[in-house]
Protein backbone atom coordinates (compact mmCIF):
# COMPACT_ATOMS: atom_id res chain seq x y z
CA MET A 1 3.09 -12.24 29.55
CA ALA A 2 2.97 -9.92 32.73
CA ARG A 3 0.78 -6.89 32.74
CA ARG A 4 1.84 -3.60 33.65
CA ALA A 5 0.52 -1.96 36.98
CA GLY A 6 -1.29 1.27 36.76
CA GLY A 7 -2.50 1.58 33.36
CA GLY A 8 0.89 1.80 31.63
CA TRP A 9 1.07 4.25 28.52
CA HIS A 10 -2.60 4.54 28.14
CA LYS A 11 -2.58 6.49 31.51
CA THR A 12 0.56 8.43 30.59
CA ALA A 13 -0.55 9.51 27.35
CA GLU A 14 -4.02 10.66 28.73
CA ILE A 15 -2.26 12.95 31.35
CA LEU A 16 0.26 14.58 28.75
CA TYR A 17 -2.65 14.96 26.48
CA ARG A 18 -4.78 16.85 29.28
CA ILE A 19 -1.78 18.89 30.21
CA LEU A 20 -0.99 20.11 26.86
CA GLU A 21 -4.76 21.01 26.17
CA GLU A 22 -4.63 23.07 29.55
CA GLU A 23 -1.45 24.92 28.17
CA GLY A 24 -3.23 25.93 25.39
CA VAL A 25 -1.07 24.13 22.87
CA PHE A 26 -3.98 23.55 20.52
CA ASP A 27 -5.42 26.69 20.86
CA ASP A 28 -2.62 28.96 19.84
CA ASN A 29 -0.96 27.07 17.04
CA HIS A 30 -3.71 24.89 15.83
CA ASN A 31 -2.00 21.48 14.49
CA PRO A 32 -4.73 18.98 13.50
CA THR A 33 -2.05 16.32 12.99
CA LEU A 34 -0.55 16.53 16.23
CA GLU A 35 -4.07 16.90 17.88
CA ARG A 36 -5.20 13.63 16.17
CA GLU A 37 -2.40 11.81 16.95
CA LEU A 38 -2.40 12.73 20.87
CA ARG A 39 -6.20 11.74 20.80
CA ARG A 40 -5.28 8.58 19.21
CA VAL A 41 -2.75 7.56 21.84
CA ALA A 42 -4.97 9.08 24.85
CA GLY A 43 -7.73 7.14 23.56
CA GLY A 44 -5.92 3.50 23.99
CA GLY A 45 -4.34 3.22 20.39
CA ARG A 46 -7.38 1.56 19.13
CA SER A 47 -8.14 3.79 15.96
CA ARG A 48 -5.84 3.87 13.23
CA VAL A 49 -5.08 7.16 12.11
CA ARG A 50 -3.47 7.41 8.60
CA LEU A 51 -1.35 10.62 8.17
CA PRO A 52 -1.32 11.99 4.53
CA LEU A 53 1.51 11.07 2.50
CA ASN A 54 3.13 14.32 2.23
CA GLU A 55 3.73 14.50 6.18
CA TRP A 56 5.38 11.42 6.57
CA ALA A 57 7.18 11.08 3.32
CA PRO A 58 7.28 14.20 1.18
CA ASP A 59 9.94 13.29 -1.29
CA ARG A 60 8.20 9.76 -2.04
CA ARG A 61 5.00 11.99 -3.28
CA ALA A 62 7.01 13.88 -5.53
CA ARG A 63 8.49 11.48 -7.72
CA PRO A 64 6.35 10.29 -10.51
CA LYS A 65 5.95 6.18 -10.84
CA ARG A 66 7.91 4.98 -13.51
CA PRO A 67 6.30 2.28 -15.52
CA ARG A 68 7.64 -1.55 -15.17
CA ARG A 69 9.65 -2.74 -18.30
CA VAL A 70 7.84 -5.52 -20.13
CA SER A 71 9.79 -8.61 -20.45
CA ALA A 72 10.43 -10.43 -23.75
CA TYR A 73 8.44 -13.25 -22.40
CA GLN A 74 5.37 -11.22 -21.77
CA LYS A 75 5.57 -9.62 -25.36
CA GLU A 76 5.83 -12.94 -26.82
CA PHE A 77 2.99 -14.46 -24.65
CA GLY A 78 0.47 -11.45 -25.78
CA ARG A 79 1.36 -12.25 -29.24
CA GLN A 80 0.63 -16.10 -28.95
CA LEU A 81 -2.41 -15.44 -26.97
CA LYS A 82 -3.63 -12.79 -29.73
CA LYS A 83 -3.30 -15.45 -32.25
CA LEU A 84 -5.03 -18.00 -30.42
CA LYS A 85 -8.21 -15.99 -29.61
CA LYS A 86 -8.39 -14.99 -33.61
CA LYS A 87 -8.41 -18.84 -34.04
CA HIS A 88 -10.52 -20.00 -31.47
CA PRO A 89 -12.86 -16.89 -30.26
CA ARG A 90 -15.37 -18.93 -28.26
CA THR A 91 -12.84 -20.95 -25.98
CA PRO A 92 -12.60 -20.16 -22.37
CA VAL A 93 -9.74 -17.43 -22.04
CA GLN A 94 -8.06 -19.64 -19.29
CA ARG A 95 -7.56 -22.63 -21.77
CA LEU A 96 -5.90 -20.04 -24.39
CA MET A 97 -3.70 -18.78 -21.65
CA LYS A 98 -2.47 -22.29 -20.87
CA ARG A 99 -1.94 -22.91 -24.61
CA ALA A 100 -0.35 -19.55 -25.19
CA HIS A 101 1.98 -20.19 -22.57
CA THR A 102 3.01 -23.71 -23.79
CA ALA A 103 3.63 -21.92 -27.41
CA THR A 104 5.56 -19.08 -25.91
CA LYS A 105 7.88 -21.46 -24.42
CA LYS A 106 8.25 -23.15 -27.48
CA ALA A 107 8.80 -19.95 -29.43
CA ARG A 108 11.28 -18.62 -27.01
CA ARG A 109 13.29 -21.87 -27.08
CA GLY A 110 15.14 -21.32 -30.22
CA LYS A 111 15.76 -17.51 -29.21
CA ARG A 112 18.36 -18.19 -26.48
């Protein structure tokens, strides 16, 4: 990969930031997001500055997240696991889950 001569974007961003600072852009109309972003670019782009969600996607923040629908398999699996836990309270859950999966497949085979 070829290297750029003269420092590339880093130098350009640094010069741009200095010019804007001399012009008084940050003094008159204080915009912390712009200032942070310009500092990040002028600093070589090494640090990751995360913008608040409402600044880059205001519509996404406003909507409430809807819950996912529980499938019939998950419901049946829960029932089977509950039964097995009641019958075998000291058995490790991992083993009970395997058995619950098998029981769920068996129970759902007839409901198609």
